[in-house]
ModelCIF file with pLDDT and N, C-alpha, C, O atoms, coordinates in Angstrom:
data_MODEL
#
_entry.id   MODEL 
#
_entity.id                         1 
_entity.type                       polymer 
_entity.pdbx_number_of_molecules   1 
#
_entity_poly.entity_id                      1 
_entity_poly.type                           'polypeptide(L)' 
_entity_poly.nstd_linkage                   no 
_entity_poly.nstd_monomer                   no 
_entity_poly.pdbx_seq_one_letter_code       
;(UNK)(UNK)(UNK)(UNK)(UNK)(UNK)(UNK)(UNK)(UNK)(UNK)(UNK)(UNK)(UNK)(UNK)(UNK)(UNK)
(UNK)(UNK)(UNK)(UNK)(UNK)(UNK)(UNK)(UNK)(UNK)(UNK)(UNK)(UNK)(UNK)(UNK)(UNK)(UNK)
(UNK)(UNK)(UNK)(UNK)(UNK)(UNK)(UNK)
;
_entity_poly.pdbx_seq_one_letter_code_can   XXXXXXXXXXXXXXXXXXXXXXXXXXXXXXXXXXXXXXX 
_entity_poly.pdbx_strand_id                 A 
#
loop_
_entity_poly_seq.entity_id 
_entity_poly_seq.num 
_entity_poly_seq.mon_id 
_entity_poly_seq.hetero 
1 1  UNK n 
1 2  UNK n 
1 3  UNK n 
1 4  UNK n 
1 5  UNK n 
1 6  UNK n 
1 7  UNK n 
1 8  UNK n 
1 9  UNK n 
1 10 UNK n 
1 11 UNK n 
1 12 UNK n 
1 13 UNK n 
1 14 UNK n 
1 15 UNK n 
1 16 UNK n 
1 17 UNK n 
1 18 UNK n 
1 19 UNK n 
1 20 UNK n 
1 21 UNK n 
1 22 UNK n 
1 23 UNK n 
1 24 UNK n 
1 25 UNK n 
1 26 UNK n 
1 27 UNK n 
1 28 UNK n 
1 29 UNK n 
1 30 UNK n 
1 31 UNK n 
1 32 UNK n 
1 33 UNK n 
1 34 UNK n 
1 35 UNK n 
1 36 UNK n 
1 37 UNK n 
1 38 UNK n 
1 39 UNK n 
#
_struct_asym.id          A 
_struct_asym.entity_id   1 
#
loop_
_ma_qa_metric.id 
_ma_qa_metric.mode 
_ma_qa_metric.name 
_ma_qa_metric.software_group_id 
_ma_qa_metric.type 
1 global pLDDT . pLDDT 
2 local  pLDDT . pLDDT 
#
_ma_qa_metric_global.metric_id      1 
_ma_qa_metric_global.metric_value   79.36 
_ma_qa_metric_global.model_id       1 
_ma_qa_metric_global.ordinal_id     1 
#
loop_
_ma_qa_metric_local.label_asym_id 
_ma_qa_metric_local.label_comp_id 
_ma_qa_metric_local.label_seq_id 
_ma_qa_metric_local.metric_id 
_ma_qa_metric_local.metric_value 
_ma_qa_metric_local.model_id 
_ma_qa_metric_local.ordinal_id 
A UNK 1  2 80.00 1 1  
A UNK 2  2 80.00 1 2  
A UNK 3  2 79.00 1 3  
A UNK 4  2 83.00 1 4  
A UNK 5  2 82.00 1 5  
A UNK 6  2 83.00 1 6  
A UNK 7  2 85.00 1 7  
A UNK 8  2 84.00 1 8  
A UNK 9  2 83.00 1 9  
A UNK 10 2 86.00 1 10 
A UNK 11 2 88.00 1 11 
A UNK 12 2 85.00 1 12 
A UNK 13 2 84.00 1 13 
A UNK 14 2 87.00 1 14 
A UNK 15 2 81.00 1 15 
A UNK 16 2 76.00 1 16 
A UNK 17 2 74.00 1 17 
A UNK 18 2 74.00 1 18 
A UNK 19 2 72.00 1 19 
A UNK 20 2 69.00 1 20 
A UNK 21 2 76.00 1 21 
A UNK 22 2 74.00 1 22 
A UNK 23 2 70.00 1 23 
A UNK 24 2 73.00 1 24 
A UNK 25 2 78.00 1 25 
A UNK 26 2 75.00 1 26 
A UNK 27 2 76.00 1 27 
A UNK 28 2 79.00 1 28 
A UNK 29 2 81.00 1 29 
A UNK 30 2 79.00 1 30 
A UNK 31 2 78.00 1 31 
A UNK 32 2 82.00 1 32 
A UNK 33 2 79.00 1 33 
A UNK 34 2 77.00 1 34 
A UNK 35 2 78.00 1 35 
A UNK 36 2 80.00 1 36 
A UNK 37 2 80.00 1 37 
A UNK 38 2 82.00 1 38 
A UNK 39 2 83.00 1 39 
#
loop_
_atom_site.group_PDB 
_atom_site.id 
_atom_site.type_symbol 
_atom_site.label_atom_id 
_atom_site.label_alt_id 
_atom_site.label_comp_id 
_atom_site.label_asym_id 
_atom_site.label_entity_id 
_atom_site.label_seq_id 
_atom_site.pdbx_PDB_ins_code 
_atom_site.Cartn_x 
_atom_site.Cartn_y 
_atom_site.Cartn_z 
_atom_site.occupancy 
_atom_site.B_iso_or_equiv 
_atom_site.pdbx_formal_charge 
_atom_site.auth_seq_id 
_atom_site.auth_comp_id 
_atom_site.auth_asym_id 
_atom_site.auth_atom_id 
_atom_site.pdbx_PDB_model_num 
ATOM 1   N N  . UNK A 1 1  ? 0.758   -1.161 -0.168  1.00 80.00 ? 1  UNK A N  1 
ATOM 2   C CA . UNK A 1 1  ? -0.033  -0.036 -0.121  1.00 80.00 ? 1  UNK A CA 1 
ATOM 3   C C  . UNK A 1 1  ? 0.837   1.116  -0.110  1.00 80.00 ? 1  UNK A C  1 
ATOM 4   O O  . UNK A 1 1  ? 0.476   2.024  -0.859  1.00 80.00 ? 1  UNK A O  1 
ATOM 5   N N  . UNK A 1 2  ? 2.242   1.367  0.770   1.00 80.00 ? 2  UNK A N  1 
ATOM 6   C CA . UNK A 1 2  ? 2.961   2.254  0.670   1.00 80.00 ? 2  UNK A CA 1 
ATOM 7   C C  . UNK A 1 2  ? 3.121   2.758  -0.661  1.00 80.00 ? 2  UNK A C  1 
ATOM 8   O O  . UNK A 1 2  ? 2.948   3.945  -0.939  1.00 80.00 ? 2  UNK A O  1 
ATOM 9   N N  . UNK A 1 3  ? 3.577   1.535  -1.810  1.00 79.00 ? 3  UNK A N  1 
ATOM 10  C CA . UNK A 1 3  ? 4.273   1.918  -2.997  1.00 79.00 ? 3  UNK A CA 1 
ATOM 11  C C  . UNK A 1 3  ? 3.036   2.157  -3.880  1.00 79.00 ? 3  UNK A C  1 
ATOM 12  O O  . UNK A 1 3  ? 3.193   2.888  -4.858  1.00 79.00 ? 3  UNK A O  1 
ATOM 13  N N  . UNK A 1 4  ? 1.958   1.684  -3.672  1.00 83.00 ? 4  UNK A N  1 
ATOM 14  C CA . UNK A 1 4  ? 0.568   2.428  -4.361  1.00 83.00 ? 4  UNK A CA 1 
ATOM 15  C C  . UNK A 1 4  ? 0.493   3.702  -3.912  1.00 83.00 ? 4  UNK A C  1 
ATOM 16  O O  . UNK A 1 4  ? 0.101   4.414  -4.836  1.00 83.00 ? 4  UNK A O  1 
ATOM 17  N N  . UNK A 1 5  ? 0.709   4.392  -2.806  1.00 82.00 ? 5  UNK A N  1 
ATOM 18  C CA . UNK A 1 5  ? 0.799   5.748  -2.470  1.00 82.00 ? 5  UNK A CA 1 
ATOM 19  C C  . UNK A 1 5  ? 1.495   6.295  -2.763  1.00 82.00 ? 5  UNK A C  1 
ATOM 20  O O  . UNK A 1 5  ? 1.133   7.463  -2.909  1.00 82.00 ? 5  UNK A O  1 
ATOM 21  N N  . UNK A 1 6  ? 2.805   6.051  -3.054  1.00 83.00 ? 6  UNK A N  1 
ATOM 22  C CA . UNK A 1 6  ? 3.971   6.661  -3.710  1.00 83.00 ? 6  UNK A CA 1 
ATOM 23  C C  . UNK A 1 6  ? 3.350   6.773  -5.390  1.00 83.00 ? 6  UNK A C  1 
ATOM 24  O O  . UNK A 1 6  ? 3.548   7.854  -5.945  1.00 83.00 ? 6  UNK A O  1 
ATOM 25  N N  . UNK A 1 7  ? 2.787   5.936  -6.001  1.00 85.00 ? 7  UNK A N  1 
ATOM 26  C CA . UNK A 1 7  ? 2.528   6.101  -7.678  1.00 85.00 ? 7  UNK A CA 1 
ATOM 27  C C  . UNK A 1 7  ? 1.452   7.145  -7.434  1.00 85.00 ? 7  UNK A C  1 
ATOM 28  O O  . UNK A 1 7  ? 1.420   8.059  -8.258  1.00 85.00 ? 7  UNK A O  1 
ATOM 29  N N  . UNK A 1 8  ? 0.579   7.171  -6.462  1.00 84.00 ? 8  UNK A N  1 
ATOM 30  C CA . UNK A 1 8  ? -0.645  7.927  -6.659  1.00 84.00 ? 8  UNK A CA 1 
ATOM 31  C C  . UNK A 1 8  ? -0.071  9.250  -6.170  1.00 84.00 ? 8  UNK A C  1 
ATOM 32  O O  . UNK A 1 8  ? -0.462  10.161 -6.901  1.00 84.00 ? 8  UNK A O  1 
ATOM 33  N N  . UNK A 1 9  ? 0.737   9.681  -5.166  1.00 83.00 ? 9  UNK A N  1 
ATOM 34  C CA . UNK A 1 9  ? 1.219   10.942 -4.788  1.00 83.00 ? 9  UNK A CA 1 
ATOM 35  C C  . UNK A 1 9  ? 1.966   11.487 -6.037  1.00 83.00 ? 9  UNK A C  1 
ATOM 36  O O  . UNK A 1 9  ? 1.805   12.689 -6.247  1.00 83.00 ? 9  UNK A O  1 
ATOM 37  N N  . UNK A 1 10 ? 2.710   10.839 -6.849  1.00 86.00 ? 10 UNK A N  1 
ATOM 38  C CA . UNK A 1 10 ? 3.399   11.446 -7.592  1.00 86.00 ? 10 UNK A CA 1 
ATOM 39  C C  . UNK A 1 10 ? 2.361   11.932 -9.145  1.00 86.00 ? 10 UNK A C  1 
ATOM 40  O O  . UNK A 1 10 ? 2.463   12.972 -9.795  1.00 86.00 ? 10 UNK A O  1 
ATOM 41  N N  . UNK A 1 11 ? 1.509   10.885 -9.354  1.00 88.00 ? 11 UNK A N  1 
ATOM 42  C CA . UNK A 1 11 ? 0.717   11.433 -10.331 1.00 88.00 ? 11 UNK A CA 1 
ATOM 43  C C  . UNK A 1 11 ? -0.263  12.285 -9.942  1.00 88.00 ? 11 UNK A C  1 
ATOM 44  O O  . UNK A 1 11 ? -1.054  12.710 -10.784 1.00 88.00 ? 11 UNK A O  1 
ATOM 45  N N  . UNK A 1 12 ? -0.355  12.669 -8.572  1.00 85.00 ? 12 UNK A N  1 
ATOM 46  C CA . UNK A 1 12 ? -1.497  13.825 -8.115  1.00 85.00 ? 12 UNK A CA 1 
ATOM 47  C C  . UNK A 1 12 ? -0.899  15.118 -8.729  1.00 85.00 ? 12 UNK A C  1 
ATOM 48  O O  . UNK A 1 12 ? -1.653  15.959 -9.218  1.00 85.00 ? 12 UNK A O  1 
ATOM 49  N N  . UNK A 1 13 ? 0.528   15.298 -8.710  1.00 84.00 ? 13 UNK A N  1 
ATOM 50  C CA . UNK A 1 13 ? 1.144   16.480 -9.068  1.00 84.00 ? 13 UNK A CA 1 
ATOM 51  C C  . UNK A 1 13 ? 0.380   16.998 -10.320 1.00 84.00 ? 13 UNK A C  1 
ATOM 52  O O  . UNK A 1 13 ? 0.183   18.210 -10.415 1.00 84.00 ? 13 UNK A O  1 
ATOM 53  N N  . UNK A 1 14 ? -0.037  16.198 -11.229 1.00 87.00 ? 14 UNK A N  1 
ATOM 54  C CA . UNK A 1 14 ? -0.827  16.559 -12.402 1.00 87.00 ? 14 UNK A CA 1 
ATOM 55  C C  . UNK A 1 14 ? -2.020  17.332 -11.855 1.00 87.00 ? 14 UNK A C  1 
ATOM 56  O O  . UNK A 1 14 ? -2.113  18.513 -12.192 1.00 87.00 ? 14 UNK A O  1 
ATOM 57  N N  . UNK A 1 15 ? -2.897  16.834 -11.091 1.00 81.00 ? 15 UNK A N  1 
ATOM 58  C CA . UNK A 1 15 ? -4.067  17.282 -10.661 1.00 81.00 ? 15 UNK A CA 1 
ATOM 59  C C  . UNK A 1 15 ? -3.625  18.966 -9.632  1.00 81.00 ? 15 UNK A C  1 
ATOM 60  O O  . UNK A 1 15 ? -4.286  20.003 -9.672  1.00 81.00 ? 15 UNK A O  1 
ATOM 61  N N  . UNK A 1 16 ? -2.597  18.771 -8.973  1.00 76.00 ? 16 UNK A N  1 
ATOM 62  C CA . UNK A 1 16 ? -2.425  19.970 -7.958  1.00 76.00 ? 16 UNK A CA 1 
ATOM 63  C C  . UNK A 1 16 ? -2.079  21.051 -8.627  1.00 76.00 ? 16 UNK A C  1 
ATOM 64  O O  . UNK A 1 16 ? -2.072  22.134 -8.041  1.00 76.00 ? 16 UNK A O  1 
ATOM 65  N N  . UNK A 1 17 ? -1.691  20.941 -10.119 1.00 74.00 ? 17 UNK A N  1 
ATOM 66  C CA . UNK A 1 17 ? -1.333  22.232 -10.809 1.00 74.00 ? 17 UNK A CA 1 
ATOM 67  C C  . UNK A 1 17 ? -2.548  22.867 -11.041 1.00 74.00 ? 17 UNK A C  1 
ATOM 68  O O  . UNK A 1 17 ? -2.267  23.918 -11.617 1.00 74.00 ? 17 UNK A O  1 
ATOM 69  N N  . UNK A 1 18 ? -3.872  22.770 -10.880 1.00 74.00 ? 18 UNK A N  1 
ATOM 70  C CA . UNK A 1 18 ? -4.866  23.495 -10.926 1.00 74.00 ? 18 UNK A CA 1 
ATOM 71  C C  . UNK A 1 18 ? -5.448  24.408 -9.591  1.00 74.00 ? 18 UNK A C  1 
ATOM 72  O O  . UNK A 1 18 ? -6.164  25.407 -9.515  1.00 74.00 ? 18 UNK A O  1 
ATOM 73  N N  . UNK A 1 19 ? -4.673  23.424 -8.449  1.00 72.00 ? 19 UNK A N  1 
ATOM 74  C CA . UNK A 1 19 ? -5.308  24.318 -7.573  1.00 72.00 ? 19 UNK A CA 1 
ATOM 75  C C  . UNK A 1 19 ? -4.805  25.719 -7.324  1.00 72.00 ? 19 UNK A C  1 
ATOM 76  O O  . UNK A 1 19 ? -5.604  26.541 -6.875  1.00 72.00 ? 19 UNK A O  1 
ATOM 77  N N  . UNK A 1 20 ? -3.686  26.036 -7.545  1.00 69.00 ? 20 UNK A N  1 
ATOM 78  C CA . UNK A 1 20 ? -3.176  27.514 -7.450  1.00 69.00 ? 20 UNK A CA 1 
ATOM 79  C C  . UNK A 1 20 ? -4.166  28.547 -8.449  1.00 69.00 ? 20 UNK A C  1 
ATOM 80  O O  . UNK A 1 20 ? -4.461  29.689 -8.097  1.00 69.00 ? 20 UNK A O  1 
ATOM 81  N N  . UNK A 1 21 ? -4.624  27.918 -9.774  1.00 76.00 ? 21 UNK A N  1 
ATOM 82  C CA . UNK A 1 21 ? -5.219  28.935 -10.555 1.00 76.00 ? 21 UNK A CA 1 
ATOM 83  C C  . UNK A 1 21 ? -6.652  28.628 -10.046 1.00 76.00 ? 21 UNK A C  1 
ATOM 84  O O  . UNK A 1 21 ? -7.454  29.504 -10.372 1.00 76.00 ? 21 UNK A O  1 
ATOM 85  N N  . UNK A 1 22 ? -7.210  27.535 -9.281  1.00 74.00 ? 22 UNK A N  1 
ATOM 86  C CA . UNK A 1 22 ? -8.644  27.693 -8.772  1.00 74.00 ? 22 UNK A CA 1 
ATOM 87  C C  . UNK A 1 22 ? -8.815  28.618 -7.334  1.00 74.00 ? 22 UNK A C  1 
ATOM 88  O O  . UNK A 1 22 ? -9.744  29.413 -7.191  1.00 74.00 ? 22 UNK A O  1 
ATOM 89  N N  . UNK A 1 23 ? -7.944  28.420 -6.477  1.00 70.00 ? 23 UNK A N  1 
ATOM 90  C CA . UNK A 1 23 ? -7.873  29.361 -5.292  1.00 70.00 ? 23 UNK A CA 1 
ATOM 91  C C  . UNK A 1 23 ? -7.756  31.032 -6.007  1.00 70.00 ? 23 UNK A C  1 
ATOM 92  O O  . UNK A 1 23 ? -8.158  31.930 -5.267  1.00 70.00 ? 23 UNK A O  1 
ATOM 93  N N  . UNK A 1 24 ? -7.385  31.319 -6.976  1.00 73.00 ? 24 UNK A N  1 
ATOM 94  C CA . UNK A 1 24 ? -7.222  32.627 -7.329  1.00 73.00 ? 24 UNK A CA 1 
ATOM 95  C C  . UNK A 1 24 ? -8.317  33.150 -8.280  1.00 73.00 ? 24 UNK A C  1 
ATOM 96  O O  . UNK A 1 24 ? -8.583  34.350 -8.343  1.00 73.00 ? 24 UNK A O  1 
ATOM 97  N N  . UNK A 1 25 ? -8.967  32.174 -9.046  1.00 78.00 ? 25 UNK A N  1 
ATOM 98  C CA . UNK A 1 25 ? -10.151 32.465 -10.036 1.00 78.00 ? 25 UNK A CA 1 
ATOM 99  C C  . UNK A 1 25 ? -11.323 32.100 -9.382  1.00 78.00 ? 25 UNK A C  1 
ATOM 100 O O  . UNK A 1 25 ? -12.240 32.623 -10.016 1.00 78.00 ? 25 UNK A O  1 
ATOM 101 N N  . UNK A 1 26 ? -11.785 31.446 -8.398  1.00 75.00 ? 26 UNK A N  1 
ATOM 102 C CA . UNK A 1 26 ? -12.815 31.165 -7.766  1.00 75.00 ? 26 UNK A CA 1 
ATOM 103 C C  . UNK A 1 26 ? -13.846 32.363 -7.321  1.00 75.00 ? 26 UNK A C  1 
ATOM 104 O O  . UNK A 1 26 ? -14.987 32.589 -7.725  1.00 75.00 ? 26 UNK A O  1 
ATOM 105 N N  . UNK A 1 27 ? -13.012 33.082 -6.306  1.00 76.00 ? 27 UNK A N  1 
ATOM 106 C CA . UNK A 1 27 ? -13.256 34.364 -5.808  1.00 76.00 ? 27 UNK A CA 1 
ATOM 107 C C  . UNK A 1 27 ? -13.198 35.468 -7.030  1.00 76.00 ? 27 UNK A C  1 
ATOM 108 O O  . UNK A 1 27 ? -14.142 36.257 -7.069  1.00 76.00 ? 27 UNK A O  1 
ATOM 109 N N  . UNK A 1 28 ? -12.463 35.558 -7.747  1.00 79.00 ? 28 UNK A N  1 
ATOM 110 C CA . UNK A 1 28 ? -12.574 36.637 -8.937  1.00 79.00 ? 28 UNK A CA 1 
ATOM 111 C C  . UNK A 1 28 ? -13.625 36.405 -9.750  1.00 79.00 ? 28 UNK A C  1 
ATOM 112 O O  . UNK A 1 28 ? -14.208 37.402 -10.176 1.00 79.00 ? 28 UNK A O  1 
ATOM 113 N N  . UNK A 1 29 ? -14.098 35.106 -10.142 1.00 81.00 ? 29 UNK A N  1 
ATOM 114 C CA . UNK A 1 29 ? -15.175 34.377 -10.724 1.00 81.00 ? 29 UNK A CA 1 
ATOM 115 C C  . UNK A 1 29 ? -16.394 34.994 -10.572 1.00 81.00 ? 29 UNK A C  1 
ATOM 116 O O  . UNK A 1 29 ? -17.142 35.603 -11.337 1.00 81.00 ? 29 UNK A O  1 
ATOM 117 N N  . UNK A 1 30 ? -16.428 34.614 -9.094  1.00 79.00 ? 30 UNK A N  1 
ATOM 118 C CA . UNK A 1 30 ? -18.011 34.840 -8.225  1.00 79.00 ? 30 UNK A CA 1 
ATOM 119 C C  . UNK A 1 30 ? -18.145 36.492 -8.355  1.00 79.00 ? 30 UNK A C  1 
ATOM 120 O O  . UNK A 1 30 ? -19.206 37.070 -8.589  1.00 79.00 ? 30 UNK A O  1 
ATOM 121 N N  . UNK A 1 31 ? -16.831 37.150 -8.151  1.00 78.00 ? 31 UNK A N  1 
ATOM 122 C CA . UNK A 1 31 ? -17.261 38.530 -8.202  1.00 78.00 ? 31 UNK A CA 1 
ATOM 123 C C  . UNK A 1 31 ? -17.477 39.092 -9.324  1.00 78.00 ? 31 UNK A C  1 
ATOM 124 O O  . UNK A 1 31 ? -18.357 39.952 -9.304  1.00 78.00 ? 31 UNK A O  1 
ATOM 125 N N  . UNK A 1 32 ? -16.870 38.858 -10.494 1.00 82.00 ? 32 UNK A N  1 
ATOM 126 C CA . UNK A 1 32 ? -17.233 38.999 -11.976 1.00 82.00 ? 32 UNK A CA 1 
ATOM 127 C C  . UNK A 1 32 ? -18.676 38.815 -12.130 1.00 82.00 ? 32 UNK A C  1 
ATOM 128 O O  . UNK A 1 32 ? -19.346 39.785 -12.486 1.00 82.00 ? 32 UNK A O  1 
ATOM 129 N N  . UNK A 1 33 ? -19.165 37.826 -11.933 1.00 79.00 ? 33 UNK A N  1 
ATOM 130 C CA . UNK A 1 33 ? -20.671 37.293 -12.105 1.00 79.00 ? 33 UNK A CA 1 
ATOM 131 C C  . UNK A 1 33 ? -21.394 38.735 -11.027 1.00 79.00 ? 33 UNK A C  1 
ATOM 132 O O  . UNK A 1 33 ? -22.013 39.673 -11.529 1.00 79.00 ? 33 UNK A O  1 
ATOM 133 N N  . UNK A 1 34 ? -21.192 38.627 -9.904  1.00 77.00 ? 34 UNK A N  1 
ATOM 134 C CA . UNK A 1 34 ? -21.809 39.779 -9.025  1.00 77.00 ? 34 UNK A CA 1 
ATOM 135 C C  . UNK A 1 34 ? -21.966 41.077 -10.119 1.00 77.00 ? 34 UNK A C  1 
ATOM 136 O O  . UNK A 1 34 ? -22.942 41.778 -10.386 1.00 77.00 ? 34 UNK A O  1 
ATOM 137 N N  . UNK A 1 35 ? -20.940 41.082 -10.495 1.00 78.00 ? 35 UNK A N  1 
ATOM 138 C CA . UNK A 1 35 ? -20.961 42.579 -10.906 1.00 78.00 ? 35 UNK A CA 1 
ATOM 139 C C  . UNK A 1 35 ? -21.539 42.781 -12.348 1.00 78.00 ? 35 UNK A C  1 
ATOM 140 O O  . UNK A 1 35 ? -21.568 43.874 -12.914 1.00 78.00 ? 35 UNK A O  1 
ATOM 141 N N  . UNK A 1 36 ? -21.996 41.603 -12.877 1.00 80.00 ? 36 UNK A N  1 
ATOM 142 C CA . UNK A 1 36 ? -22.390 41.417 -14.042 1.00 80.00 ? 36 UNK A CA 1 
ATOM 143 C C  . UNK A 1 36 ? -21.564 41.567 -15.332 1.00 80.00 ? 36 UNK A C  1 
ATOM 144 O O  . UNK A 1 36 ? -21.995 41.924 -16.429 1.00 80.00 ? 36 UNK A O  1 
ATOM 145 N N  . UNK A 1 37 ? -20.376 41.250 -15.028 1.00 80.00 ? 37 UNK A N  1 
ATOM 146 C CA . UNK A 1 37 ? -19.319 41.098 -15.957 1.00 80.00 ? 37 UNK A CA 1 
ATOM 147 C C  . UNK A 1 37 ? -18.960 39.947 -16.611 1.00 80.00 ? 37 UNK A C  1 
ATOM 148 O O  . UNK A 1 37 ? -17.911 39.327 -16.433 1.00 80.00 ? 37 UNK A O  1 
ATOM 149 N N  . UNK A 1 38 ? -20.143 39.576 -17.626 1.00 82.00 ? 38 UNK A N  1 
ATOM 150 C CA . UNK A 1 38 ? -20.058 38.168 -18.053 1.00 82.00 ? 38 UNK A CA 1 
ATOM 151 C C  . UNK A 1 38 ? -18.888 38.043 -19.195 1.00 82.00 ? 38 UNK A C  1 
ATOM 152 O O  . UNK A 1 38 ? -18.133 37.074 -19.265 1.00 82.00 ? 38 UNK A O  1 
ATOM 153 N N  . UNK A 1 39 ? -18.859 38.959 -19.912 1.00 83.00 ? 39 UNK A N  1 
ATOM 154 C CA . UNK A 1 39 ? -17.536 39.328 -21.112 1.00 83.00 ? 39 UNK A CA 1 
ATOM 155 C C  . UNK A 1 39 ? -16.008 38.538 -20.241 1.00 83.00 ? 39 UNK A C  1 
ATOM 156 O O  . UNK A 1 39 ? -14.899 38.591 -20.772 1.00 83.00 ? 39 UNK A O  1 
#
């Protein structure tokens, strides 16, 4: 199970890259929607 965890940990890097983008854009997208700036 430790070896399996190792493989999944390395593969998770691919998904992790979206985290910083999401943290930045989610509040900004919510704010843009609240302001009516759909474009």
